[in-house]
Amino acid sequence: MKILIVDDSMLDRKLLIRTLQKAGVENEILEAGDGQTALDILDKEHDNICLMFLDWQLPKIDGLEILKRVARNPKTAALAVIMSTSTNSEEDEEIARLLNPNLAAFVVKPLDPKKITDIALSYIK
């Protein structure tokens, strides 16, 4: 199974990939730098993706809209999503969980490598 990382920061995507690889994750990792690319990948690969890391702020289509679309689409509704943001706000987390009640985790940047790894390993197939 594959992992999809959606973040407009190439540096953040590379750091996350390196963190997962250091933890022994061998899954293929797909990357998207904007929301539209993420939706295109999900449309083609939804059966092969077990986990998605999703940034809140993205160009073209933001993370909240993607989160909503994932939850509403029967093909992706069960997908584990870890949403990340740079603002530590309980209100933001509440909004994200309302849009997708199956949200796997809501994390604040900078990401804690151990926390991210622990969460990811519980969803990777």
PDB file of N, CA and C in Angstrom:
ATOM      1  N   MET A   1       0.831  -1.190   0.000  1.00  0.00           N
ATOM      2  CA  MET A   1       0.000   0.000   0.000  1.00  0.00           C
ATOM      3  C   MET A   1       0.876   1.255   0.000  1.00  0.00           C
ATOM      4  N   LYS A   2       0.313   2.327  -0.519  1.00  0.00           N
ATOM      5  CA  LYS A   2       1.058   3.572  -0.689  1.00  0.00           C
ATOM      6  C   LYS A   2       0.640   4.622   0.336  1.00  0.00           C
ATOM      7  N   ILE A   3       1.508   5.596   0.508  1.00  0.00           N
ATOM      8  CA  ILE A   3       1.253   6.741   1.370  1.00  0.00           C
ATOM      9  C   ILE A   3       1.262   7.974   0.473  1.00  0.00           C
ATOM     10  N   LEU A   4       0.305   8.874   0.678  1.00  0.00           N
ATOM     11  CA  LEU A   4       0.250  10.121  -0.083  1.00  0.00           C
ATOM     12  C   LEU A   4       0.568  11.277   0.859  1.00  0.00           C
ATOM     13  N   ILE A   5       1.559  12.077   0.484  1.00  0.00           N
ATOM     14  CA  ILE A   5       1.921  13.259   1.257  1.00  0.00           C
ATOM     15  C   ILE A   5       1.533  14.478   0.429  1.00  0.00           C
ATOM     16  N   VAL A   6       0.656  15.317   1.007  1.00  0.00           N
ATOM     17  CA  VAL A   6       0.161  16.500   0.316  1.00  0.00           C
ATOM     18  C   VAL A   6       0.605  17.733   1.106  1.00  0.00           C
ATOM     19  N   ASP A   7       1.558  18.467   0.538  1.00  0.00           N
ATOM     20  CA  ASP A   7       2.075  19.669   1.190  1.00  0.00           C
ATOM     21  C   ASP A   7       2.716  20.529   0.115  1.00  0.00           C
ATOM     22  N   ASP A   8       2.461  21.828   0.142  1.00  0.00           N
ATOM     23  CA  ASP A   8       3.045  22.697  -0.872  1.00  0.00           C
ATOM     24  C   ASP A   8       4.525  22.985  -0.624  1.00  0.00           C
ATOM     25  N   SER A   9       5.014  22.618   0.546  1.00  0.00           N
ATOM     26  CA  SER A   9       6.430  22.793   0.853  1.00  0.00           C
ATOM     27  C   SER A   9       7.200  21.515   0.514  1.00  0.00           C
ATOM     28  N   MET A  10       8.055  21.606  -0.505  1.00  0.00           N
ATOM     29  CA  MET A  10       8.857  20.439  -0.874  1.00  0.00           C
ATOM     30  C   MET A  10       9.746  20.022   0.293  1.00  0.00           C
ATOM     31  N   LEU A  11      10.270  20.995   1.027  1.00  0.00           N
ATOM     32  CA  LEU A  11      11.115  20.697   2.179  1.00  0.00           C
ATOM     33  C   LEU A  11      10.338  19.881   3.214  1.00  0.00           C
ATOM     34  N   ASP A  12       9.114  20.288   3.531  1.00  0.00           N
ATOM     35  CA  ASP A  12       8.303  19.547   4.502  1.00  0.00           C
ATOM     36  C   ASP A  12       8.004  18.137   4.006  1.00  0.00           C
ATOM     37  N   ARG A  13       7.729  17.989   2.712  1.00  0.00           N
ATOM     38  CA  ARG A  13       7.477  16.648   2.162  1.00  0.00           C
ATOM     39  C   ARG A  13       8.717  15.775   2.311  1.00  0.00           C
ATOM     40  N   LYS A  14       9.884  16.317   1.976  1.00  0.00           N
ATOM     41  CA  LYS A  14      11.135  15.545   2.051  1.00  0.00           C
ATOM     42  C   LYS A  14      11.468  15.174   3.496  1.00  0.00           C
ATOM     43  N   LEU A  15      11.256  16.110   4.433  1.00  0.00           N
ATOM     44  CA  LEU A  15      11.504  15.810   5.848  1.00  0.00           C
ATOM     45  C   LEU A  15      10.590  14.693   6.340  1.00  0.00           C
ATOM     46  N   LEU A  16       9.344  14.730   5.933  1.00  0.00           N
ATOM     47  CA  LEU A  16       8.399  13.693   6.340  1.00  0.00           C
ATOM     48  C   LEU A  16       8.780  12.343   5.739  1.00  0.00           C
ATOM     49  N   ILE A  17       9.156  12.337   4.489  1.00  0.00           N
ATOM     50  CA  ILE A  17       9.597  11.092   3.840  1.00  0.00           C
ATOM     51  C   ILE A  17      10.805  10.522   4.571  1.00  0.00           C
ATOM     52  N   ARG A  18      11.774  11.378   4.870  1.00  0.00           N
ATOM     53  CA  ARG A  18      12.979  10.929   5.574  1.00  0.00           C
ATOM     54  C   ARG A  18      12.622  10.378   6.961  1.00  0.00           C
ATOM     55  N   THR A  19      11.718  11.040   7.665  1.00  0.00           N
ATOM     56  CA  THR A  19      11.284  10.573   8.991  1.00  0.00           C
ATOM     57  C   THR A  19      10.652   9.192   8.895  1.00  0.00           C
ATOM     58  N   LEU A  20       9.786   8.999   7.916  1.00  0.00           N
ATOM     59  CA  LEU A  20       9.129   7.697   7.753  1.00  0.00           C
ATOM     60  C   LEU A  20      10.141   6.613   7.378  1.00  0.00           C
ATOM     61  N   GLN A  21      11.052   6.939   6.483  1.00  0.00           N
ATOM     62  CA  GLN A  21      12.060   5.959   6.073  1.00  0.00           C
ATOM     63  C   GLN A  21      12.973   5.576   7.226  1.00  0.00           C
ATOM     64  N   LYS A  22      13.363   6.557   8.058  1.00  0.00           N
ATOM     65  CA  LYS A  22      14.200   6.259   9.226  1.00  0.00           C
ATOM     66  C   LYS A  22      13.478   5.333  10.203  1.00  0.00           C
ATOM     67  N   ALA A  23      12.150   5.400  10.207  1.00  0.00           N
ATOM     68  CA  ALA A  23      11.353   4.547  11.092  1.00  0.00           C
ATOM     69  C   ALA A  23      11.127   3.163  10.490  1.00  0.00           C
ATOM     70  N   GLY A  24      11.666   2.932   9.288  1.00  0.00           N
ATOM     71  CA  GLY A  24      11.549   1.618   8.673  1.00  0.00           C
ATOM     72  C   GLY A  24      10.364   1.451   7.736  1.00  0.00           C
ATOM     73  N   VAL A  25       9.669   2.535   7.437  1.00  0.00           N
ATOM     74  CA  VAL A  25       8.534   2.458   6.515  1.00  0.00           C
ATOM     75  C   VAL A  25       9.067   2.232   5.106  1.00  0.00           C
ATOM     76  N   GLU A  26       8.576   1.178   4.470  1.00  0.00           N
ATOM     77  CA  GLU A  26       9.044   0.825   3.133  1.00  0.00           C
ATOM     78  C   GLU A  26       7.975   1.041   2.066  1.00  0.00           C
ATOM     79  N   ASN A  27       6.823   1.541   2.466  1.00  0.00           N
ATOM     80  CA  ASN A  27       5.738   1.782   1.515  1.00  0.00           C
ATOM     81  C   ASN A  27       6.165   2.799   0.462  1.00  0.00           C
ATOM     82  N   GLU A  28       5.622   2.657  -0.741  1.00  0.00           N
ATOM     83  CA  GLU A  28       5.854   3.663  -1.767  1.00  0.00           C
ATOM     84  C   GLU A  28       5.173   4.955  -1.323  1.00  0.00           C
ATOM     85  N   ILE A  29       5.837   6.074  -1.530  1.00  0.00           N
ATOM     86  CA  ILE A  29       5.298   7.355  -1.105  1.00  0.00           C
ATOM     87  C   ILE A  29       5.048   8.223  -2.335  1.00  0.00           C
ATOM     88  N   LEU A  30       3.811   8.678  -2.450  1.00  0.00           N
ATOM     89  CA  LEU A  30       3.404   9.580  -3.518  1.00  0.00           C
ATOM     90  C   LEU A  30       3.380  10.991  -2.953  1.00  0.00           C
ATOM     91  N   GLU A  31       3.654  11.982  -3.800  1.00  0.00           N
ATOM     92  CA  GLU A  31       3.699  13.368  -3.337  1.00  0.00           C
ATOM     93  C   GLU A  31       2.821  14.257  -4.201  1.00  0.00           C
ATOM     94  N   ALA A  32       2.183  15.236  -3.535  1.00  0.00           N
ATOM     95  CA  ALA A  32       1.416  16.257  -4.236  1.00  0.00           C
ATOM     96  C   ALA A  32       1.751  17.601  -3.599  1.00  0.00           C
ATOM     97  N   GLY A  33       1.995  18.603  -4.436  1.00  0.00           N
ATOM     98  CA  GLY A  33       2.341  19.929  -3.948  1.00  0.00           C
ATOM     99  C   GLY A  33       1.161  20.883  -3.906  1.00  0.00           C
ATOM    100  N   ASP A  34      -0.008  20.415  -4.369  1.00  0.00           N
ATOM    101  CA  ASP A  34      -1.206  21.248  -4.322  1.00  0.00           C
ATOM    102  C   ASP A  34      -2.436  20.348  -4.234  1.00  0.00           C
ATOM    103  N   GLY A  35      -3.563  20.962  -3.918  1.00  0.00           N
ATOM    104  CA  GLY A  35      -4.784  20.205  -3.700  1.00  0.00           C
ATOM    105  C   GLY A  35      -5.311  19.496  -4.934  1.00  0.00           C
ATOM    106  N   GLN A  36      -5.230  20.140  -6.091  1.00  0.00           N
ATOM    107  CA  GLN A  36      -5.751  19.498  -7.305  1.00  0.00           C
ATOM    108  C   GLN A  36      -4.947  18.253  -7.653  1.00  0.00           C
ATOM    109  N   THR A  37      -3.642  18.326  -7.533  1.00  0.00           N
ATOM    110  CA  THR A  37      -2.805  17.162  -7.808  1.00  0.00           C
ATOM    111  C   THR A  37      -3.138  16.033  -6.842  1.00  0.00           C
ATOM    112  N   ALA A  38      -3.382  16.372  -5.576  1.00  0.00           N
ATOM    113  CA  ALA A  38      -3.752  15.364  -4.582  1.00  0.00           C
ATOM    114  C   ALA A  38      -5.050  14.659  -4.981  1.00  0.00           C
ATOM    115  N   LEU A  39      -6.044  15.436  -5.402  1.00  0.00           N
ATOM    116  CA  LEU A  39      -7.317  14.829  -5.811  1.00  0.00           C
ATOM    117  C   LEU A  39      -7.144  13.950  -7.053  1.00  0.00           C
ATOM    118  N   ASP A  40      -6.300  14.383  -7.976  1.00  0.00           N
ATOM    119  CA  ASP A  40      -6.029  13.575  -9.171  1.00  0.00           C
ATOM    120  C   ASP A  40      -5.391  12.243  -8.790  1.00  0.00           C
ATOM    121  N   ILE A  41      -4.430  12.287  -7.867  1.00  0.00           N
ATOM    122  CA  ILE A  41      -3.772  11.058  -7.409  1.00  0.00           C
ATOM    123  C   ILE A  41      -4.783  10.163  -6.694  1.00  0.00           C
ATOM    124  N   LEU A  42      -5.588  10.734  -5.831  1.00  0.00           N
ATOM    125  CA  LEU A  42      -6.600   9.946  -5.113  1.00  0.00           C
ATOM    126  C   LEU A  42      -7.589   9.295  -6.075  1.00  0.00           C
ATOM    127  N   ASP A  43      -7.953  10.016  -7.119  1.00  0.00           N
ATOM    128  CA  ASP A  43      -8.893   9.476  -8.095  1.00  0.00           C
ATOM    129  C   ASP A  43      -8.336   8.223  -8.763  1.00  0.00           C
ATOM    130  N   LYS A  44      -7.044   8.236  -9.063  1.00  0.00           N
ATOM    131  CA  LYS A  44      -6.413   7.106  -9.756  1.00  0.00           C
ATOM    132  C   LYS A  44      -5.941   5.999  -8.813  1.00  0.00           C
ATOM    133  N   GLU A  45      -5.497   6.380  -7.622  1.00  0.00           N
ATOM    134  CA  GLU A  45      -4.807   5.439  -6.734  1.00  0.00           C
ATOM    135  C   GLU A  45      -5.568   5.091  -5.445  1.00  0.00           C
ATOM    136  N   HIS A  46      -6.828   5.507  -5.326  1.00  0.00           N
ATOM    137  CA  HIS A  46      -7.531   5.372  -4.043  1.00  0.00           C
ATOM    138  C   HIS A  46      -7.501   3.964  -3.466  1.00  0.00           C
ATOM    139  N   ASP A  47      -7.515   2.956  -4.319  1.00  0.00           N
ATOM    140  CA  ASP A  47      -7.475   1.571  -3.824  1.00  0.00           C
ATOM    141  C   ASP A  47      -6.109   1.175  -3.282  1.00  0.00           C
ATOM    142  N   ASN A  48      -5.086   1.927  -3.624  1.00  0.00           N
ATOM    143  CA  ASN A  48      -3.712   1.575  -3.252  1.00  0.00           C
ATOM    144  C   ASN A  48      -3.123   2.437  -2.143  1.00  0.00           C
ATOM    145  N   ILE A  49      -3.877   3.424  -1.664  1.00  0.00           N
ATOM    146  CA  ILE A  49      -3.366   4.346  -0.644  1.00  0.00           C
ATOM    147  C   ILE A  49      -3.972   3.994   0.714  1.00  0.00           C
ATOM    148  N   CYS A  50      -3.101   3.804   1.704  1.00  0.00           N
ATOM    149  CA  CYS A  50      -3.573   3.444   3.051  1.00  0.00           C
ATOM    150  C   CYS A  50      -3.520   4.626   4.016  1.00  0.00           C
ATOM    151  N   LEU A  51      -2.774   5.679   3.652  1.00  0.00           N
ATOM    152  CA  LEU A  51      -2.587   6.803   4.568  1.00  0.00           C
ATOM    153  C   LEU A  51      -2.270   8.064   3.769  1.00  0.00           C
ATOM    154  N   MET A  52      -2.870   9.182   4.205  1.00  0.00           N
ATOM    155  CA  MET A  52      -2.573  10.460   3.562  1.00  0.00           C
ATOM    156  C   MET A  52      -2.205  11.483   4.631  1.00  0.00           C
ATOM    157  N   PHE A  53      -1.062  12.130   4.432  1.00  0.00           N
ATOM    158  CA  PHE A  53      -0.674  13.290   5.224  1.00  0.00           C
ATOM    159  C   PHE A  53      -1.162  14.503   4.448  1.00  0.00           C
ATOM    160  N   LEU A  54      -1.923  15.366   5.089  1.00  0.00           N
ATOM    161  CA  LEU A  54      -2.568  16.471   4.386  1.00  0.00           C
ATOM    162  C   LEU A  54      -2.321  17.792   5.101  1.00  0.00           C
ATOM    163  N   ASP A  55      -1.708  18.726   4.390  1.00  0.00           N
ATOM    164  CA  ASP A  55      -1.482  20.061   4.938  1.00  0.00           C
ATOM    165  C   ASP A  55      -2.776  20.871   4.827  1.00  0.00           C
ATOM    166  N   TRP A  56      -3.009  21.737   5.787  1.00  0.00           N
ATOM    167  CA  TRP A  56      -4.220  22.560   5.821  1.00  0.00           C
ATOM    168  C   TRP A  56      -4.214  23.585   4.687  1.00  0.00           C
ATOM    169  N   GLN A  57      -3.108  24.315   4.559  1.00  0.00           N
ATOM    170  CA  GLN A  57      -3.031  25.386   3.571  1.00  0.00           C
ATOM    171  C   GLN A  57      -2.314  24.899   2.320  1.00  0.00           C
ATOM    172  N   LEU A  58      -3.074  24.879   1.217  1.00  0.00           N
ATOM    173  CA  LEU A  58      -2.542  24.402  -0.061  1.00  0.00           C
ATOM    174  C   LEU A  58      -3.001  25.323  -1.182  1.00  0.00           C
ATOM    175  N   PRO A  59      -2.212  25.409  -2.250  1.00  0.00           N
ATOM    176  CA  PRO A  59      -2.685  26.136  -3.422  1.00  0.00           C
ATOM    177  C   PRO A  59      -3.751  25.338  -4.173  1.00  0.00           C
ATOM    178  N   LYS A  60      -4.536  26.032  -4.947  1.00  0.00           N
ATOM    179  CA  LYS A  60      -5.594  25.503  -5.814  1.00  0.00           C
ATOM    180  C   LYS A  60      -6.798  25.011  -5.021  1.00  0.00           C
ATOM    181  N   ILE A  61      -6.651  23.979  -4.230  1.00  0.00           N
ATOM    182  CA  ILE A  61      -7.735  23.465  -3.389  1.00  0.00           C
ATOM    183  C   ILE A  61      -7.135  23.225  -2.010  1.00  0.00           C
ATOM    184  N   ASP A  62      -7.725  23.842  -0.987  1.00  0.00           N
ATOM    185  CA  ASP A  62      -7.111  23.735   0.340  1.00  0.00           C
ATOM    186  C   ASP A  62      -7.391  22.387   1.005  1.00  0.00           C
ATOM    187  N   GLY A  63      -6.653  22.144   2.080  1.00  0.00           N
ATOM    188  CA  GLY A  63      -6.740  20.874   2.787  1.00  0.00           C
ATOM    189  C   GLY A  63      -8.119  20.575   3.338  1.00  0.00           C
ATOM    190  N   LEU A  64      -8.845  21.597   3.775  1.00  0.00           N
ATOM    191  CA  LEU A  64     -10.195  21.363   4.301  1.00  0.00           C
ATOM    192  C   LEU A  64     -11.134  20.856   3.217  1.00  0.00           C
ATOM    193  N   GLU A  65     -11.022  21.425   2.031  1.00  0.00           N
ATOM    194  CA  GLU A  65     -11.876  20.966   0.924  1.00  0.00           C
ATOM    195  C   GLU A  65     -11.525  19.527   0.545  1.00  0.00           C
ATOM    196  N   ILE A  66     -10.252  19.206   0.534  1.00  0.00           N
ATOM    197  CA  ILE A  66      -9.848  17.821   0.246  1.00  0.00           C
ATOM    198  C   ILE A  66     -10.386  16.886   1.324  1.00  0.00           C
ATOM    199  N   LEU A  67     -10.245  17.299   2.566  1.00  0.00           N
ATOM    200  CA  LEU A  67     -10.736  16.500   3.686  1.00  0.00           C
ATOM    201  C   LEU A  67     -12.229  16.219   3.533  1.00  0.00           C
ATOM    202  N   LYS A  68     -12.980  17.236   3.160  1.00  0.00           N
ATOM    203  CA  LYS A  68     -14.420  17.091   2.963  1.00  0.00           C
ATOM    204  C   LYS A  68     -14.714  16.125   1.811  1.00  0.00           C
ATOM    205  N   ARG A  69     -14.013  16.290   0.707  1.00  0.00           N
ATOM    206  CA  ARG A  69     -14.245  15.425  -0.465  1.00  0.00           C
ATOM    207  C   ARG A  69     -13.883  13.971  -0.171  1.00  0.00           C
ATOM    208  N   VAL A  70     -12.811  13.762   0.560  1.00  0.00           N
ATOM    209  CA  VAL A  70     -12.401  12.404   0.939  1.00  0.00           C
ATOM    210  C   VAL A  70     -13.501  11.744   1.762  1.00  0.00           C
ATOM    211  N   ALA A  71     -14.050  12.480   2.731  1.00  0.00           N
ATOM    212  CA  ALA A  71     -15.082  11.932   3.608  1.00  0.00           C
ATOM    213  C   ALA A  71     -16.380  11.628   2.866  1.00  0.00           C
ATOM    214  N   ARG A  72     -16.703  12.425   1.856  1.00  0.00           N
ATOM    215  CA  ARG A  72     -17.963  12.263   1.124  1.00  0.00           C
ATOM    216  C   ARG A  72     -17.911  11.223   0.013  1.00  0.00           C
ATOM    217  N   ASN A  73     -16.708  10.860  -0.394  1.00  0.00           N
ATOM    218  CA  ASN A  73     -16.552   9.904  -1.492  1.00  0.00           C
ATOM    219  C   ASN A  73     -16.485   8.490  -0.928  1.00  0.00           C
ATOM    220  N   PRO A  74     -17.425   7.621  -1.286  1.00  0.00           N
ATOM    221  CA  PRO A  74     -17.405   6.247  -0.756  1.00  0.00           C
ATOM    222  C   PRO A  74     -16.097   5.505  -1.037  1.00  0.00           C
ATOM    223  N   LYS A  75     -15.392   5.868  -2.105  1.00  0.00           N
ATOM    224  CA  LYS A  75     -14.137   5.200  -2.449  1.00  0.00           C
ATOM    225  C   LYS A  75     -12.994   5.590  -1.520  1.00  0.00           C
ATOM    226  N   THR A  76     -13.098   6.754  -0.885  1.00  0.00           N
ATOM    227  CA  THR A  76     -12.008   7.244  -0.042  1.00  0.00           C
ATOM    228  C   THR A  76     -12.417   7.502   1.407  1.00  0.00           C
ATOM    229  N   ALA A  77     -13.679   7.309   1.725  1.00  0.00           N
ATOM    230  CA  ALA A  77     -14.188   7.673   3.060  1.00  0.00           C
ATOM    231  C   ALA A  77     -13.433   6.988   4.199  1.00  0.00           C
ATOM    232  N   ALA A  78     -12.943   5.787   3.970  1.00  0.00           N
ATOM    233  CA  ALA A  78     -12.244   5.049   5.032  1.00  0.00           C
ATOM    234  C   ALA A  78     -10.745   5.355   5.084  1.00  0.00           C
ATOM    235  N   LEU A  79     -10.264   6.199   4.188  1.00  0.00           N
ATOM    236  CA  LEU A  79      -8.836   6.520   4.140  1.00  0.00           C
ATOM    237  C   LEU A  79      -8.392   7.233   5.413  1.00  0.00           C
ATOM    238  N   ALA A  80      -7.311   6.773   5.994  1.00  0.00           N
ATOM    239  CA  ALA A  80      -6.747   7.420   7.180  1.00  0.00           C
ATOM    240  C   ALA A  80      -6.044   8.699   6.739  1.00  0.00           C
ATOM    241  N   VAL A  81      -6.435   9.821   7.361  1.00  0.00           N
ATOM    242  CA  VAL A  81      -5.859  11.115   7.021  1.00  0.00           C
ATOM    243  C   VAL A  81      -5.261  11.743   8.281  1.00  0.00           C
ATOM    244  N   ILE A  82      -4.016  12.155   8.152  1.00  0.00           N
ATOM    245  CA  ILE A  82      -3.353  12.916   9.210  1.00  0.00           C
ATOM    246  C   ILE A  82      -3.237  14.342   8.688  1.00  0.00           C
ATOM    247  N   MET A  83      -3.972  15.258   9.311  1.00  0.00           N
ATOM    248  CA  MET A  83      -3.950  16.649   8.871  1.00  0.00           C
ATOM    249  C   MET A  83      -2.940  17.436   9.689  1.00  0.00           C
ATOM    250  N   SER A  84      -2.169  18.274   8.990  1.00  0.00           N
ATOM    251  CA  SER A  84      -1.183  19.101   9.679  1.00  0.00           C
ATOM    252  C   SER A  84      -1.452  20.577   9.393  1.00  0.00           C
ATOM    253  N   THR A  85      -1.104  21.390  10.366  1.00  0.00           N
ATOM    254  CA  THR A  85      -1.274  22.828  10.234  1.00  0.00           C
ATOM    255  C   THR A  85      -0.207  23.530  11.063  1.00  0.00           C
ATOM    256  N   SER A  86       0.005  24.783  10.773  1.00  0.00           N
ATOM    257  CA  SER A  86       1.008  25.533  11.542  1.00  0.00           C
ATOM    258  C   SER A  86       0.377  26.290  12.704  1.00  0.00           C
ATOM    259  N   THR A  87      -0.951  26.261  12.793  1.00  0.00           N
ATOM    260  CA  THR A  87      -1.621  26.951  13.899  1.00  0.00           C
ATOM    261  C   THR A  87      -2.160  25.940  14.900  1.00  0.00           C
ATOM    262  N   ASN A  88      -1.852  26.162  16.142  1.00  0.00           N
ATOM    263  CA  ASN A  88      -2.294  25.259  17.205  1.00  0.00           C
ATOM    264  C   ASN A  88      -3.627  25.785  17.742  1.00  0.00           C
ATOM    265  N   SER A  89      -4.708  25.370  17.083  1.00  0.00           N
ATOM    266  CA  SER A  89      -6.019  25.885  17.438  1.00  0.00           C
ATOM    267  C   SER A  89      -7.007  24.739  17.635  1.00  0.00           C
ATOM    268  N   GLU A  90      -7.632  24.707  18.786  1.00  0.00           N
ATOM    269  CA  GLU A  90      -8.652  23.683  19.032  1.00  0.00           C
ATOM    270  C   GLU A  90      -9.814  23.853  18.066  1.00  0.00           C
ATOM    271  N   GLU A  91     -10.112  25.089  17.703  1.00  0.00           N
ATOM    272  CA  GLU A  91     -11.198  25.353  16.768  1.00  0.00           C
ATOM    273  C   GLU A  91     -10.890  24.746  15.392  1.00  0.00           C
ATOM    274  N   ASP A  92      -9.643  24.880  14.938  1.00  0.00           N
ATOM    275  CA  ASP A  92      -9.255  24.288  13.652  1.00  0.00           C
ATOM    276  C   ASP A  92      -9.406  22.773  13.686  1.00  0.00           C
ATOM    277  N   GLU A  93      -8.976  22.156  14.778  1.00  0.00           N
ATOM    278  CA  GLU A  93      -9.114  20.702  14.884  1.00  0.00           C
ATOM    279  C   GLU A  93     -10.586  20.306  14.882  1.00  0.00           C
ATOM    280  N   GLU A  94     -11.412  21.063  15.570  1.00  0.00           N
ATOM    281  CA  GLU A  94     -12.848  20.762  15.612  1.00  0.00           C
ATOM    282  C   GLU A  94     -13.461  20.857  14.218  1.00  0.00           C
ATOM    283  N   ILE A  95     -13.071  21.881  13.465  1.00  0.00           N
ATOM    284  CA  ILE A  95     -13.566  22.028  12.089  1.00  0.00           C
ATOM    285  C   ILE A  95     -13.150  20.830  11.245  1.00  0.00           C
ATOM    286  N   ALA A  96     -11.893  20.439  11.349  1.00  0.00           N
ATOM    287  CA  ALA A  96     -11.394  19.304  10.572  1.00  0.00           C
ATOM    288  C   ALA A  96     -12.143  18.017  10.926  1.00  0.00           C
ATOM    289  N   ARG A  97     -12.377  17.798  12.204  1.00  0.00           N
ATOM    290  CA  ARG A  97     -13.075  16.580  12.632  1.00  0.00           C
ATOM    291  C   ARG A  97     -14.559  16.601  12.238  1.00  0.00           C
ATOM    292  N   LEU A  98     -15.152  17.776  12.153  1.00  0.00           N
ATOM    293  CA  LEU A  98     -16.534  17.865  11.676  1.00  0.00           C
ATOM    294  C   LEU A  98     -16.613  17.528  10.192  1.00  0.00           C
ATOM    295  N   LEU A  99     -15.619  17.976   9.433  1.00  0.00           N
ATOM    296  CA  LEU A  99     -15.594  17.686   7.998  1.00  0.00           C
ATOM    297  C   LEU A  99     -15.310  16.223   7.720  1.00  0.00           C
ATOM    298  N   ASN A 100     -14.497  15.606   8.565  1.00  0.00           N
ATOM    299  CA  ASN A 100     -14.168  14.203   8.383  1.00  0.00           C
ATOM    300  C   ASN A 100     -14.061  13.542   9.753  1.00  0.00           C
ATOM    301  N   PRO A 101     -15.155  12.945  10.227  1.00  0.00           N
ATOM    302  CA  PRO A 101     -15.161  12.323  11.551  1.00  0.00           C
ATOM    303  C   PRO A 101     -14.142  11.185  11.698  1.00  0.00           C
ATOM    304  N   ASN A 102     -13.665  10.648  10.580  1.00  0.00           N
ATOM    305  CA  ASN A 102     -12.693   9.553  10.620  1.00  0.00           C
ATOM    306  C   ASN A 102     -11.252  10.053  10.605  1.00  0.00           C
ATOM    307  N   LEU A 103     -11.054  11.340  10.812  1.00  0.00           N
ATOM    308  CA  LEU A 103      -9.708  11.910  10.797  1.00  0.00           C
ATOM    309  C   LEU A 103      -8.807  11.120  11.748  1.00  0.00           C
ATOM    310  N   ALA A 104      -7.695  10.628  11.214  1.00  0.00           N
ATOM    311  CA  ALA A 104      -6.791   9.805  12.021  1.00  0.00           C
ATOM    312  C   ALA A 104      -6.060  10.627  13.070  1.00  0.00           C
ATOM    313  N   ALA A 105      -5.630  11.839  12.681  1.00  0.00           N
ATOM    314  CA  ALA A 105      -4.897  12.690  13.622  1.00  0.00           C
ATOM    315  C   ALA A 105      -4.861  14.111  13.096  1.00  0.00           C
ATOM    316  N   PHE A 106      -4.683  15.033  14.026  1.00  0.00           N
ATOM    317  CA  PHE A 106      -4.534  16.453  13.722  1.00  0.00           C
ATOM    318  C   PHE A 106      -3.255  16.886  14.421  1.00  0.00           C
ATOM    319  N   VAL A 107      -2.251  17.275  13.655  1.00  0.00           N
ATOM    320  CA  VAL A 107      -0.944  17.586  14.238  1.00  0.00           C
ATOM    321  C   VAL A 107      -0.502  18.988  13.845  1.00  0.00           C
ATOM    322  N   VAL A 108       0.318  19.580  14.706  1.00  0.00           N
ATOM    323  CA  VAL A 108       0.784  20.941  14.498  1.00  0.00           C
ATOM    324  C   VAL A 108       2.258  20.924  14.082  1.00  0.00           C
ATOM    325  N   LYS A 109       2.579  21.728  13.076  1.00  0.00           N
ATOM    326  CA  LYS A 109       3.969  21.876  12.634  1.00  0.00           C
ATOM    327  C   LYS A 109       4.711  22.776  13.596  1.00  0.00           C
ATOM    328  N   PRO A 110       5.999  22.574  13.796  1.00  0.00           N
ATOM    329  CA  PRO A 110       6.811  21.523  13.201  1.00  0.00           C
ATOM    330  C   PRO A 110       6.433  20.160  13.764  1.00  0.00           C
ATOM    331  N   LEU A 111       6.447  19.173  12.881  1.00  0.00           N
ATOM    332  CA  LEU A 111       6.011  17.839  13.253  1.00  0.00           C
ATOM    333  C   LEU A 111       7.014  17.150  14.173  1.00  0.00           C
ATOM    334  N   ASP A 112       6.487  16.496  15.171  1.00  0.00           N
ATOM    335  CA  ASP A 112       7.305  15.712  16.093  1.00  0.00           C
ATOM    336  C   ASP A 112       7.544  14.347  15.439  1.00  0.00           C
ATOM    337  N   PRO A 113       8.795  14.017  15.096  1.00  0.00           N
ATOM    338  CA  PRO A 113       9.071  12.772  14.377  1.00  0.00           C
ATOM    339  C   PRO A 113       8.530  11.517  15.070  1.00  0.00           C
ATOM    340  N   LYS A 114       8.685  11.414  16.378  1.00  0.00           N
ATOM    341  CA  LYS A 114       8.202  10.216  17.084  1.00  0.00           C
ATOM    342  C   LYS A 114       6.687  10.125  17.025  1.00  0.00           C
ATOM    343  N   LYS A 115       6.027  11.233  17.256  1.00  0.00           N
ATOM    344  CA  LYS A 115       4.556  11.243  17.231  1.00  0.00           C
ATOM    345  C   LYS A 115       4.044  10.864  15.842  1.00  0.00           C
ATOM    346  N   ILE A 116       4.628  11.475  14.812  1.00  0.00           N
ATOM    347  CA  ILE A 116       4.215  11.188  13.433  1.00  0.00           C
ATOM    348  C   ILE A 116       4.446   9.722  13.094  1.00  0.00           C
ATOM    349  N   THR A 117       5.595   9.212  13.468  1.00  0.00           N
ATOM    350  CA  THR A 117       5.925   7.818  13.187  1.00  0.00           C
ATOM    351  C   THR A 117       4.960   6.885  13.904  1.00  0.00           C
ATOM    352  N   ASP A 118       4.695   7.137  15.169  1.00  0.00           N
ATOM    353  CA  ASP A 118       3.774   6.289  15.929  1.00  0.00           C
ATOM    354  C   ASP A 118       2.384   6.273  15.299  1.00  0.00           C
ATOM    355  N   ILE A 119       1.890   7.440  14.915  1.00  0.00           N
ATOM    356  CA  ILE A 119       0.567   7.517  14.284  1.00  0.00           C
ATOM    357  C   ILE A 119       0.586   6.787  12.951  1.00  0.00           C
ATOM    358  N   ALA A 120       1.587   7.085  12.126  1.00  0.00           N
ATOM    359  CA  ALA A 120       1.658   6.489  10.796  1.00  0.00           C
ATOM    360  C   ALA A 120       1.731   4.964  10.853  1.00  0.00           C
ATOM    361  N   LEU A 121       2.568   4.440  11.744  1.00  0.00           N
ATOM    362  CA  LEU A 121       2.725   2.990  11.811  1.00  0.00           C
ATOM    363  C   LEU A 121       1.437   2.277  12.195  1.00  0.00           C
ATOM    364  N   SER A 122       0.558   2.966  12.893  1.00  0.00           N
ATOM    365  CA  SER A 122      -0.703   2.326  13.277  1.00  0.00           C
ATOM    366  C   SER A 122      -1.688   2.229  12.111  1.00  0.00           C
ATOM    367  N   TYR A 123      -1.432   2.952  11.022  1.00  0.00           N
ATOM    368  CA  TYR A 123      -2.338   2.934   9.861  1.00  0.00           C
ATOM    369  C   TYR A 123      -1.732   2.305   8.605  1.00  0.00           C
ATOM    370  N   ILE A 124      -0.432   2.106   8.601  1.00  0.00           N
ATOM    371  CA  ILE A 124       0.223   1.579   7.404  1.00  0.00           C
ATOM    372  C   ILE A 124      -0.046   0.094   7.277  1.00  0.00           C
ATOM    373  N   LYS A 125      -0.388  -0.279   6.065  1.00  0.00           N
ATOM    374  CA  LYS A 125      -0.686  -1.689   5.766  1.00  0.00           C
ATOM    375  C   LYS A 125       0.380  -2.255   4.870  1.00  0.00           C
TER     376      LYS A 125
END
